[in-house]
Amino acid sequence: MKSVYVVEPKIEHYSCVIDLLSRARRLEEALNLIKNMPIEPSEYAYGALLGGCKIYGDAKVAQSVGKHLLDLDPQHSGRYVTLSYFYNQPTKSYV
């Protein structure tokens, strides 16, 4: 993006890539992207990853992401609802 179109990636661009990776079940890659972004991740980036965790039932990554989300935006009730999903499900494989 930077070298071809001379456009500096913004948080919106990173959030879209994180969402795409999460939906493609590449949650670890999405998490690594968040950790290595040159800008501070927003609640949108973490929210996109949390959505992927819910789709594929990855409670381990969801717990880590949820902590960051609640630190960033503790008033957002949807985050609590999504996180409660992981605590109300019986242990099973989502493969």
PDB file of N, CA and C in Angstrom:
ATOM      1  N   MET A   1       0.827  -1.179   0.000  1.00  0.00           N
ATOM      2  CA  MET A   1       0.000   0.000   0.000  1.00  0.00           C
ATOM      3  C   MET A   1       0.876   1.250   0.000  1.00  0.00           C
ATOM      4  N   LYS A   2       1.857   1.197   0.844  1.00  0.00           N
ATOM      5  CA  LYS A   2       2.737   2.344   1.011  1.00  0.00           C
ATOM      6  C   LYS A   2       3.615   2.557  -0.225  1.00  0.00           C
ATOM      7  N   SER A   3       4.210   1.477  -0.712  1.00  0.00           N
ATOM      8  CA  SER A   3       5.139   1.610  -1.829  1.00  0.00           C
ATOM      9  C   SER A   3       4.438   1.776  -3.173  1.00  0.00           C
ATOM     10  N   VAL A   4       3.284   1.174  -3.355  1.00  0.00           N
ATOM     11  CA  VAL A   4       2.595   1.252  -4.642  1.00  0.00           C
ATOM     12  C   VAL A   4       1.701   2.480  -4.744  1.00  0.00           C
ATOM     13  N   TYR A   5       0.907   2.746  -3.707  1.00  0.00           N
ATOM     14  CA  TYR A   5      -0.080   3.823  -3.762  1.00  0.00           C
ATOM     15  C   TYR A   5       0.289   5.047  -2.934  1.00  0.00           C
ATOM     16  N   VAL A   6       1.406   4.995  -2.253  1.00  0.00           N
ATOM     17  CA  VAL A   6       1.886   6.076  -1.395  1.00  0.00           C
ATOM     18  C   VAL A   6       0.810   6.480  -0.376  1.00  0.00           C
ATOM     19  N   VAL A   7       0.203   5.471   0.217  1.00  0.00           N
ATOM     20  CA  VAL A   7      -0.827   5.688   1.228  1.00  0.00           C
ATOM     21  C   VAL A   7      -0.332   5.060   2.520  1.00  0.00           C
ATOM     22  N   GLU A   8      -0.274   5.862   3.550  1.00  0.00           N
ATOM     23  CA  GLU A   8       0.142   5.371   4.864  1.00  0.00           C
ATOM     24  C   GLU A   8      -1.029   4.622   5.506  1.00  0.00           C
ATOM     25  N   PRO A   9      -0.840   3.333   5.863  1.00  0.00           N
ATOM     26  CA  PRO A   9      -1.930   2.576   6.473  1.00  0.00           C
ATOM     27  C   PRO A   9      -2.375   3.197   7.798  1.00  0.00           C
ATOM     28  N   LYS A  10      -3.683   3.283   7.972  1.00  0.00           N
ATOM     29  CA  LYS A  10      -4.270   3.807   9.203  1.00  0.00           C
ATOM     30  C   LYS A  10      -4.901   2.661   9.974  1.00  0.00           C
ATOM     31  N   ILE A  11      -5.407   2.966  11.137  1.00  0.00           N
ATOM     32  CA  ILE A  11      -5.996   1.940  11.991  1.00  0.00           C
ATOM     33  C   ILE A  11      -7.160   1.230  11.292  1.00  0.00           C
ATOM     34  N   GLU A  12      -7.889   1.951  10.448  1.00  0.00           N
ATOM     35  CA  GLU A  12      -9.010   1.341   9.722  1.00  0.00           C
ATOM     36  C   GLU A  12      -8.520   0.245   8.782  1.00  0.00           C
ATOM     37  N   HIS A  13      -7.378   0.472   8.134  1.00  0.00           N
ATOM     38  CA  HIS A  13      -6.821  -0.524   7.227  1.00  0.00           C
ATOM     39  C   HIS A  13      -6.381  -1.764   8.003  1.00  0.00           C
ATOM     40  N   TYR A  14      -5.692  -1.534   9.123  1.00  0.00           N
ATOM     41  CA  TYR A  14      -5.250  -2.657   9.944  1.00  0.00           C
ATOM     42  C   TYR A  14      -6.446  -3.431  10.485  1.00  0.00           C
ATOM     43  N   SER A  15      -7.490  -2.732  10.904  1.00  0.00           N
ATOM     44  CA  SER A  15      -8.681  -3.404  11.443  1.00  0.00           C
ATOM     45  C   SER A  15      -9.340  -4.284  10.383  1.00  0.00           C
ATOM     46  N   CYS A  16      -9.366  -3.812   9.144  1.00  0.00           N
ATOM     47  CA  CYS A  16      -9.947  -4.613   8.056  1.00  0.00           C
ATOM     48  C   CYS A  16      -9.142  -5.881   7.816  1.00  0.00           C
ATOM     49  N   VAL A  17      -7.829  -5.772   7.826  1.00  0.00           N
ATOM     50  CA  VAL A  17      -6.976  -6.949   7.624  1.00  0.00           C
ATOM     51  C   VAL A  17      -7.147  -7.917   8.786  1.00  0.00           C
ATOM     52  N   ILE A  18      -7.224  -7.400   9.994  1.00  0.00           N
ATOM     53  CA  ILE A  18      -7.433  -8.249  11.173  1.00  0.00           C
ATOM     54  C   ILE A  18      -8.771  -8.968  11.073  1.00  0.00           C
ATOM     55  N   ASP A  19      -9.797  -8.275  10.616  1.00  0.00           N
ATOM     56  CA  ASP A  19     -11.109  -8.889  10.428  1.00  0.00           C
ATOM     57  C   ASP A  19     -11.039 -10.002   9.385  1.00  0.00           C
ATOM     58  N   LEU A  20     -10.366  -9.747   8.273  1.00  0.00           N
ATOM     59  CA  LEU A  20     -10.242 -10.762   7.224  1.00  0.00           C
ATOM     60  C   LEU A  20      -9.480 -11.995   7.726  1.00  0.00           C
ATOM     61  N   LEU A  21      -8.381 -11.761   8.425  1.00  0.00           N
ATOM     62  CA  LEU A  21      -7.613 -12.880   8.968  1.00  0.00           C
ATOM     63  C   LEU A  21      -8.448 -13.674   9.974  1.00  0.00           C
ATOM     64  N   SER A  22      -9.195 -12.972  10.810  1.00  0.00           N
ATOM     65  CA  SER A  22     -10.022 -13.635  11.826  1.00  0.00           C
ATOM     66  C   SER A  22     -11.106 -14.487  11.184  1.00  0.00           C
ATOM     67  N   ARG A  23     -11.728 -13.977  10.160  1.00  0.00           N
ATOM     68  CA  ARG A  23     -12.790 -14.730   9.475  1.00  0.00           C
ATOM     69  C   ARG A  23     -12.232 -15.924   8.706  1.00  0.00           C
ATOM     70  N   ALA A  24     -10.950 -15.852   8.349  1.00  0.00           N
ATOM     71  CA  ALA A  24     -10.298 -16.953   7.631  1.00  0.00           C
ATOM     72  C   ALA A  24      -9.664 -17.960   8.597  1.00  0.00           C
ATOM     73  N   ARG A  25      -9.986 -17.844   9.873  1.00  0.00           N
ATOM     74  CA  ARG A  25      -9.506 -18.739  10.925  1.00  0.00           C
ATOM     75  C   ARG A  25      -7.994 -18.642  11.143  1.00  0.00           C
ATOM     76  N   ARG A  26      -7.442 -17.505  10.856  1.00  0.00           N
ATOM     77  CA  ARG A  26      -6.017 -17.262  11.060  1.00  0.00           C
ATOM     78  C   ARG A  26      -5.863 -16.312  12.250  1.00  0.00           C
ATOM     79  N   LEU A  27      -6.374 -16.763  13.390  1.00  0.00           N
ATOM     80  CA  LEU A  27      -6.455 -15.933  14.584  1.00  0.00           C
ATOM     81  C   LEU A  27      -5.085 -15.574  15.143  1.00  0.00           C
ATOM     82  N   GLU A  28      -4.156 -16.502  15.111  1.00  0.00           N
ATOM     83  CA  GLU A  28      -2.817 -16.213  15.620  1.00  0.00           C
ATOM     84  C   GLU A  28      -2.130 -15.150  14.771  1.00  0.00           C
ATOM     85  N   GLU A  29      -2.322 -15.218  13.454  1.00  0.00           N
ATOM     86  CA  GLU A  29      -1.745 -14.199  12.570  1.00  0.00           C
ATOM     87  C   GLU A  29      -2.357 -12.830  12.848  1.00  0.00           C
ATOM     88  N   ALA A  30      -3.667 -12.815  13.074  1.00  0.00           N
ATOM     89  CA  ALA A  30      -4.347 -11.551  13.385  1.00  0.00           C
ATOM     90  C   ALA A  30      -3.834 -10.984  14.708  1.00  0.00           C
ATOM     91  N   LEU A  31      -3.644 -11.845  15.690  1.00  0.00           N
ATOM     92  CA  LEU A  31      -3.124 -11.408  16.978  1.00  0.00           C
ATOM     93  C   LEU A  31      -1.692 -10.886  16.843  1.00  0.00           C
ATOM     94  N   ASN A  32      -0.880 -11.557  16.047  1.00  0.00           N
ATOM     95  CA  ASN A  32       0.493 -11.085  15.810  1.00  0.00           C
ATOM     96  C   ASN A  32       0.501  -9.740  15.098  1.00  0.00           C
ATOM     97  N   LEU A  33      -0.425  -9.537  14.178  1.00  0.00           N
ATOM     98  CA  LEU A  33      -0.516  -8.252  13.495  1.00  0.00           C
ATOM     99  C   LEU A  33      -0.844  -7.147  14.494  1.00  0.00           C
ATOM    100  N   ILE A  34      -1.768  -7.409  15.399  1.00  0.00           N
ATOM    101  CA  ILE A  34      -2.110  -6.417  16.421  1.00  0.00           C
ATOM    102  C   ILE A  34      -0.890  -6.086  17.279  1.00  0.00           C
ATOM    103  N   LYS A  35      -0.158  -7.117  17.666  1.00  0.00           N
ATOM    104  CA  LYS A  35       1.011  -6.907  18.529  1.00  0.00           C
ATOM    105  C   LYS A  35       2.124  -6.138  17.825  1.00  0.00           C
ATOM    106  N   ASN A  36       2.224  -6.279  16.495  1.00  0.00           N
ATOM    107  CA  ASN A  36       3.337  -5.683  15.756  1.00  0.00           C
ATOM    108  C   ASN A  36       2.958  -4.470  14.921  1.00  0.00           C
ATOM    109  N   MET A  37       1.762  -3.952  15.094  1.00  0.00           N
ATOM    110  CA  MET A  37       1.353  -2.770  14.333  1.00  0.00           C
ATOM    111  C   MET A  37       2.196  -1.569  14.765  1.00  0.00           C
ATOM    112  N   PRO A  38       2.543  -0.698  13.822  1.00  0.00           N
ATOM    113  CA  PRO A  38       3.324   0.481  14.183  1.00  0.00           C
ATOM    114  C   PRO A  38       2.498   1.562  14.885  1.00  0.00           C
ATOM    115  N   ILE A  39       1.187   1.368  14.942  1.00  0.00           N
ATOM    116  CA  ILE A  39       0.309   2.309  15.645  1.00  0.00           C
ATOM    117  C   ILE A  39      -0.431   1.563  16.749  1.00  0.00           C
ATOM    118  N   GLU A  40      -0.960   2.330  17.681  1.00  0.00           N
ATOM    119  CA  GLU A  40      -1.685   1.746  18.817  1.00  0.00           C
ATOM    120  C   GLU A  40      -2.982   1.101  18.331  1.00  0.00           C
ATOM    121  N   PRO A  41      -3.223  -0.179  18.658  1.00  0.00           N
ATOM    122  CA  PRO A  41      -4.465  -0.830  18.225  1.00  0.00           C
ATOM    123  C   PRO A  41      -5.686  -0.198  18.888  1.00  0.00           C
ATOM    124  N   SER A  42      -6.762  -0.151  18.152  1.00  0.00           N
ATOM    125  CA  SER A  42      -8.000   0.421  18.670  1.00  0.00           C
ATOM    126  C   SER A  42      -8.948  -0.690  19.104  1.00  0.00           C
ATOM    127  N   GLU A  43     -10.064  -0.282  19.668  1.00  0.00           N
ATOM    128  CA  GLU A  43     -11.072  -1.269  20.052  1.00  0.00           C
ATOM    129  C   GLU A  43     -11.670  -1.956  18.827  1.00  0.00           C
ATOM    130  N   TYR A  44     -11.612  -1.317  17.659  1.00  0.00           N
ATOM    131  CA  TYR A  44     -12.126  -1.925  16.433  1.00  0.00           C
ATOM    132  C   TYR A  44     -11.253  -3.102  16.007  1.00  0.00           C
ATOM    133  N   ALA A  45      -9.940  -2.952  16.136  1.00  0.00           N
ATOM    134  CA  ALA A  45      -9.024  -4.037  15.787  1.00  0.00           C
ATOM    135  C   ALA A  45      -9.242  -5.226  16.717  1.00  0.00           C
ATOM    136  N   TYR A  46      -9.306  -4.957  18.012  1.00  0.00           N
ATOM    137  CA  TYR A  46      -9.543  -6.029  18.973  1.00  0.00           C
ATOM    138  C   TYR A  46     -10.944  -6.621  18.809  1.00  0.00           C
ATOM    139  N   GLY A  47     -11.918  -5.795  18.497  1.00  0.00           N
ATOM    140  CA  GLY A  47     -13.283  -6.279  18.288  1.00  0.00           C
ATOM    141  C   GLY A  47     -13.384  -7.219  17.099  1.00  0.00           C
ATOM    142  N   ALA A  48     -12.644  -6.905  16.036  1.00  0.00           N
ATOM    143  CA  ALA A  48     -12.634  -7.779  14.858  1.00  0.00           C
ATOM    144  C   ALA A  48     -12.054  -9.145  15.211  1.00  0.00           C
ATOM    145  N   LEU A  49     -10.999  -9.142  15.996  1.00  0.00           N
ATOM    146  CA  LEU A  49     -10.380 -10.401  16.412  1.00  0.00           C
ATOM    147  C   LEU A  49     -11.302 -11.173  17.346  1.00  0.00           C
ATOM    148  N   LEU A  50     -11.973 -10.487  18.237  1.00  0.00           N
ATOM    149  CA  LEU A  50     -12.908 -11.155  19.141  1.00  0.00           C
ATOM    150  C   LEU A  50     -14.048 -11.808  18.360  1.00  0.00           C
ATOM    151  N   GLY A  51     -14.497 -11.152  17.304  1.00  0.00           N
ATOM    152  CA  GLY A  51     -15.534 -11.740  16.459  1.00  0.00           C
ATOM    153  C   GLY A  51     -15.076 -13.046  15.833  1.00  0.00           C
ATOM    154  N   GLY A  52     -13.828 -13.082  15.376  1.00  0.00           N
ATOM    155  CA  GLY A  52     -13.274 -14.313  14.824  1.00  0.00           C
ATOM    156  C   GLY A  52     -13.152 -15.400  15.868  1.00  0.00           C
ATOM    157  N   CYS A  53     -12.788 -15.006  17.069  1.00  0.00           N
ATOM    158  CA  CYS A  53     -12.692 -15.976  18.170  1.00  0.00           C
ATOM    159  C   CYS A  53     -14.050 -16.606  18.442  1.00  0.00           C
ATOM    160  N   LYS A  54     -15.096 -15.812  18.362  1.00  0.00           N
ATOM    161  CA  LYS A  54     -16.443 -16.335  18.608  1.00  0.00           C
ATOM    162  C   LYS A  54     -16.859 -17.298  17.501  1.00  0.00           C
ATOM    163  N   ILE A  55     -16.550 -16.938  16.260  1.00  0.00           N
ATOM    164  CA  ILE A  55     -16.913 -17.798  15.129  1.00  0.00           C
ATOM    165  C   ILE A  55     -16.287 -19.175  15.284  1.00  0.00           C
ATOM    166  N   TYR A  56     -15.008 -19.208  15.668  1.00  0.00           N
ATOM    167  CA  TYR A  56     -14.274 -20.469  15.716  1.00  0.00           C
ATOM    168  C   TYR A  56     -14.092 -21.026  17.120  1.00  0.00           C
ATOM    169  N   GLY A  57     -14.677 -20.378  18.123  1.00  0.00           N
ATOM    170  CA  GLY A  57     -14.668 -20.913  19.477  1.00  0.00           C
ATOM    171  C   GLY A  57     -13.311 -20.943  20.146  1.00  0.00           C
ATOM    172  N   ASP A  58     -12.466 -19.957  19.866  1.00  0.00           N
ATOM    173  CA  ASP A  58     -11.129 -19.917  20.459  1.00  0.00           C
ATOM    174  C   ASP A  58     -11.161 -19.092  21.742  1.00  0.00           C
ATOM    175  N   ALA A  59     -11.425 -19.770  22.856  1.00  0.00           N
ATOM    176  CA  ALA A  59     -11.566 -19.091  24.145  1.00  0.00           C
ATOM    177  C   ALA A  59     -10.241 -18.547  24.656  1.00  0.00           C
ATOM    178  N   LYS A  60      -9.136 -19.204  24.324  1.00  0.00           N
ATOM    179  CA  LYS A  60      -7.823 -18.762  24.800  1.00  0.00           C
ATOM    180  C   LYS A  60      -7.478 -17.371  24.259  1.00  0.00           C
ATOM    181  N   VAL A  61      -7.601 -17.203  22.961  1.00  0.00           N
ATOM    182  CA  VAL A  61      -7.311 -15.897  22.350  1.00  0.00           C
ATOM    183  C   VAL A  61      -8.370 -14.888  22.787  1.00  0.00           C
ATOM    184  N   ALA A  62      -9.627 -15.313  22.877  1.00  0.00           N
ATOM    185  CA  ALA A  62     -10.716 -14.418  23.266  1.00  0.00           C
ATOM    186  C   ALA A  62     -10.490 -13.823  24.649  1.00  0.00           C
ATOM    187  N   GLN A  63      -9.966 -14.609  25.556  1.00  0.00           N
ATOM    188  CA  GLN A  63      -9.729 -14.110  26.917  1.00  0.00           C
ATOM    189  C   GLN A  63      -8.685 -12.996  26.901  1.00  0.00           C
ATOM    190  N   SER A  64      -7.625 -13.182  26.151  1.00  0.00           N
ATOM    191  CA  SER A  64      -6.573 -12.169  26.041  1.00  0.00           C
ATOM    192  C   SER A  64      -7.102 -10.905  25.368  1.00  0.00           C
ATOM    193  N   VAL A  65      -7.824 -11.081  24.276  1.00  0.00           N
ATOM    194  CA  VAL A  65      -8.377  -9.956  23.525  1.00  0.00           C
ATOM    195  C   VAL A  65      -9.423  -9.227  24.361  1.00  0.00           C
ATOM    196  N   GLY A  66     -10.241  -9.982  25.073  1.00  0.00           N
ATOM    197  CA  GLY A  66     -11.285  -9.385  25.904  1.00  0.00           C
ATOM    198  C   GLY A  66     -10.727  -8.459  26.967  1.00  0.00           C
ATOM    199  N   LYS A  67      -9.609  -8.835  27.552  1.00  0.00           N
ATOM    200  CA  LYS A  67      -8.983  -7.992  28.562  1.00  0.00           C
ATOM    201  C   LYS A  67      -8.591  -6.644  27.964  1.00  0.00           C
ATOM    202  N   HIS A  68      -8.002  -6.671  26.782  1.00  0.00           N
ATOM    203  CA  HIS A  68      -7.613  -5.417  26.123  1.00  0.00           C
ATOM    204  C   HIS A  68      -8.840  -4.580  25.772  1.00  0.00           C
ATOM    205  N   LEU A  69      -9.882  -5.246  25.283  1.00  0.00           N
ATOM    206  CA  LEU A  69     -11.103  -4.528  24.914  1.00  0.00           C
ATOM    207  C   LEU A  69     -11.751  -3.855  26.107  1.00  0.00           C
ATOM    208  N   LEU A  70     -11.813  -4.556  27.211  1.00  0.00           N
ATOM    209  CA  LEU A  70     -12.453  -3.985  28.392  1.00  0.00           C
ATOM    210  C   LEU A  70     -11.619  -2.857  28.991  1.00  0.00           C
ATOM    211  N   ASP A  71     -10.307  -2.921  28.809  1.00  0.00           N
ATOM    212  CA  ASP A  71      -9.454  -1.812  29.241  1.00  0.00           C
ATOM    213  C   ASP A  71      -9.664  -0.583  28.361  1.00  0.00           C
ATOM    214  N   LEU A  72      -9.838  -0.811  27.061  1.00  0.00           N
ATOM    215  CA  LEU A  72      -9.999   0.302  26.121  1.00  0.00           C
ATOM    216  C   LEU A  72     -11.380   0.955  26.208  1.00  0.00           C
ATOM    217  N   ASP A  73     -12.409   0.132  26.331  1.00  0.00           N
ATOM    218  CA  ASP A  73     -13.783   0.655  26.291  1.00  0.00           C
ATOM    219  C   ASP A  73     -14.674  -0.140  27.244  1.00  0.00           C
ATOM    220  N   PRO A  74     -14.576   0.114  28.554  1.00  0.00           N
ATOM    221  CA  PRO A  74     -15.334  -0.678  29.523  1.00  0.00           C
ATOM    222  C   PRO A  74     -16.850  -0.444  29.482  1.00  0.00           C
ATOM    223  N   GLN A  75     -17.307   0.609  28.827  1.00  0.00           N
ATOM    224  CA  GLN A  75     -18.737   0.915  28.771  1.00  0.00           C
ATOM    225  C   GLN A  75     -19.466   0.206  27.627  1.00  0.00           C
ATOM    226  N   HIS A  76     -18.749  -0.450  26.737  1.00  0.00           N
ATOM    227  CA  HIS A  76     -19.360  -1.104  25.577  1.00  0.00           C
ATOM    228  C   HIS A  76     -19.951  -2.449  26.006  1.00  0.00           C
ATOM    229  N   SER A  77     -21.254  -2.510  26.115  1.00  0.00           N
ATOM    230  CA  SER A  77     -21.912  -3.712  26.647  1.00  0.00           C
ATOM    231  C   SER A  77     -21.799  -4.909  25.717  1.00  0.00           C
ATOM    232  N   GLY A  78     -21.654  -4.675  24.429  1.00  0.00           N
ATOM    233  CA  GLY A  78     -21.556  -5.781  23.476  1.00  0.00           C
ATOM    234  C   GLY A  78     -20.342  -6.654  23.723  1.00  0.00           C
ATOM    235  N   ARG A  79     -19.278  -6.066  24.216  1.00  0.00           N
ATOM    236  CA  ARG A  79     -18.064  -6.842  24.518  1.00  0.00           C
ATOM    237  C   ARG A  79     -18.335  -7.856  25.617  1.00  0.00           C
ATOM    238  N   TYR A  80     -19.077  -7.440  26.635  1.00  0.00           N
ATOM    239  CA  TYR A  80     -19.407  -8.349  27.736  1.00  0.00           C
ATOM    240  C   TYR A  80     -20.291  -9.499  27.245  1.00  0.00           C
ATOM    241  N   VAL A  81     -21.214  -9.175  26.363  1.00  0.00           N
ATOM    242  CA  VAL A  81     -22.107 -10.196  25.823  1.00  0.00           C
ATOM    243  C   VAL A  81     -21.314 -11.213  25.017  1.00  0.00           C
ATOM    244  N   THR A  82     -20.409 -10.733  24.175  1.00  0.00           N
ATOM    245  CA  THR A  82     -19.596 -11.639  23.364  1.00  0.00           C
ATOM    246  C   THR A  82     -18.692 -12.495  24.241  1.00  0.00           C
ATOM    247  N   LEU A  83     -18.078 -11.888  25.237  1.00  0.00           N
ATOM    248  CA  LEU A  83     -17.215 -12.661  26.135  1.00  0.00           C
ATOM    249  C   LEU A  83     -18.008 -13.681  26.948  1.00  0.00           C
ATOM    250  N   SER A  84     -19.243 -13.360  27.307  1.00  0.00           N
ATOM    251  CA  SER A  84     -20.042 -14.309  28.080  1.00  0.00           C
ATOM    252  C   SER A  84     -20.333 -15.575  27.282  1.00  0.00           C
ATOM    253  N   TYR A  85     -20.312 -15.458  25.973  1.00  0.00           N
ATOM    254  CA  TYR A  85     -20.523 -16.611  25.100  1.00  0.00           C
ATOM    255  C   TYR A  85     -19.527 -17.728  25.419  1.00  0.00           C
ATOM    256  N   PHE A  86     -18.284 -17.354  25.676  1.00  0.00           N
ATOM    257  CA  PHE A  86     -17.242 -18.347  25.932  1.00  0.00           C
ATOM    258  C   PHE A  86     -17.393 -19.012  27.295  1.00  0.00           C
ATOM    259  N   TYR A  87     -18.002 -18.334  28.230  1.00  0.00           N
ATOM    260  CA  TYR A  87     -18.156 -18.879  29.564  1.00  0.00           C
ATOM    261  C   TYR A  87     -19.444 -19.675  29.722  1.00  0.00           C
ATOM    262  N   ASN A  88     -20.347 -19.571  28.769  1.00  0.00           N
ATOM    263  CA  ASN A  88     -21.633 -20.262  28.847  1.00  0.00           C
ATOM    264  C   ASN A  88     -21.705 -21.485  27.949  1.00  0.00           C
ATOM    265  N   GLN A  89     -20.637 -21.795  27.242  1.00  0.00           N
ATOM    266  CA  GLN A  89     -20.630 -22.933  26.325  1.00  0.00           C
ATOM    267  C   GLN A  89     -19.977 -24.140  26.985  1.00  0.00           C
ATOM    268  N   PRO A  90     -20.534 -25.304  26.753  1.00  0.00           N
ATOM    269  CA  PRO A  90     -19.851 -26.518  27.230  1.00  0.00           C
ATOM    270  C   PRO A  90     -18.555 -26.696  26.456  1.00  0.00           C
ATOM    271  N   THR A  91     -17.594 -27.351  27.059  1.00  0.00           N
ATOM    272  CA  THR A  91     -16.322 -27.581  26.395  1.00  0.00           C
ATOM    273  C   THR A  91     -16.534 -28.543  25.232  1.00  0.00           C
ATOM    274  N   LYS A  92     -16.214 -28.073  24.031  1.00  0.00           N
ATOM    275  CA  LYS A  92     -16.312 -28.915  22.848  1.00  0.00           C
ATOM    276  C   LYS A  92     -15.425 -28.341  21.754  1.00  0.00           C
ATOM    277  N   SER A  93     -15.207 -29.115  20.760  1.00  0.00           N
ATOM    278  CA  SER A  93     -14.360 -28.687  19.637  1.00  0.00           C
ATOM    279  C   SER A  93     -15.217 -28.014  18.581  1.00  0.00           C
ATOM    280  N   TYR A  94     -14.745 -26.906  18.042  1.00  0.00           N
ATOM    281  CA  TYR A  94     -15.469 -26.179  17.004  1.00  0.00           C
ATOM    282  C   TYR A  94     -14.808 -26.364  15.648  1.00  0.00           C
ATOM    283  N   VAL A  95     -14.338 -27.535  15.356  1.00  0.00           N
ATOM    284  CA  VAL A  95     -13.632 -27.769  14.101  1.00  0.00           C
ATOM    285  C   VAL A  95     -14.555 -28.004  12.989  1.00  0.00           C
TER     286      VAL A  95
END
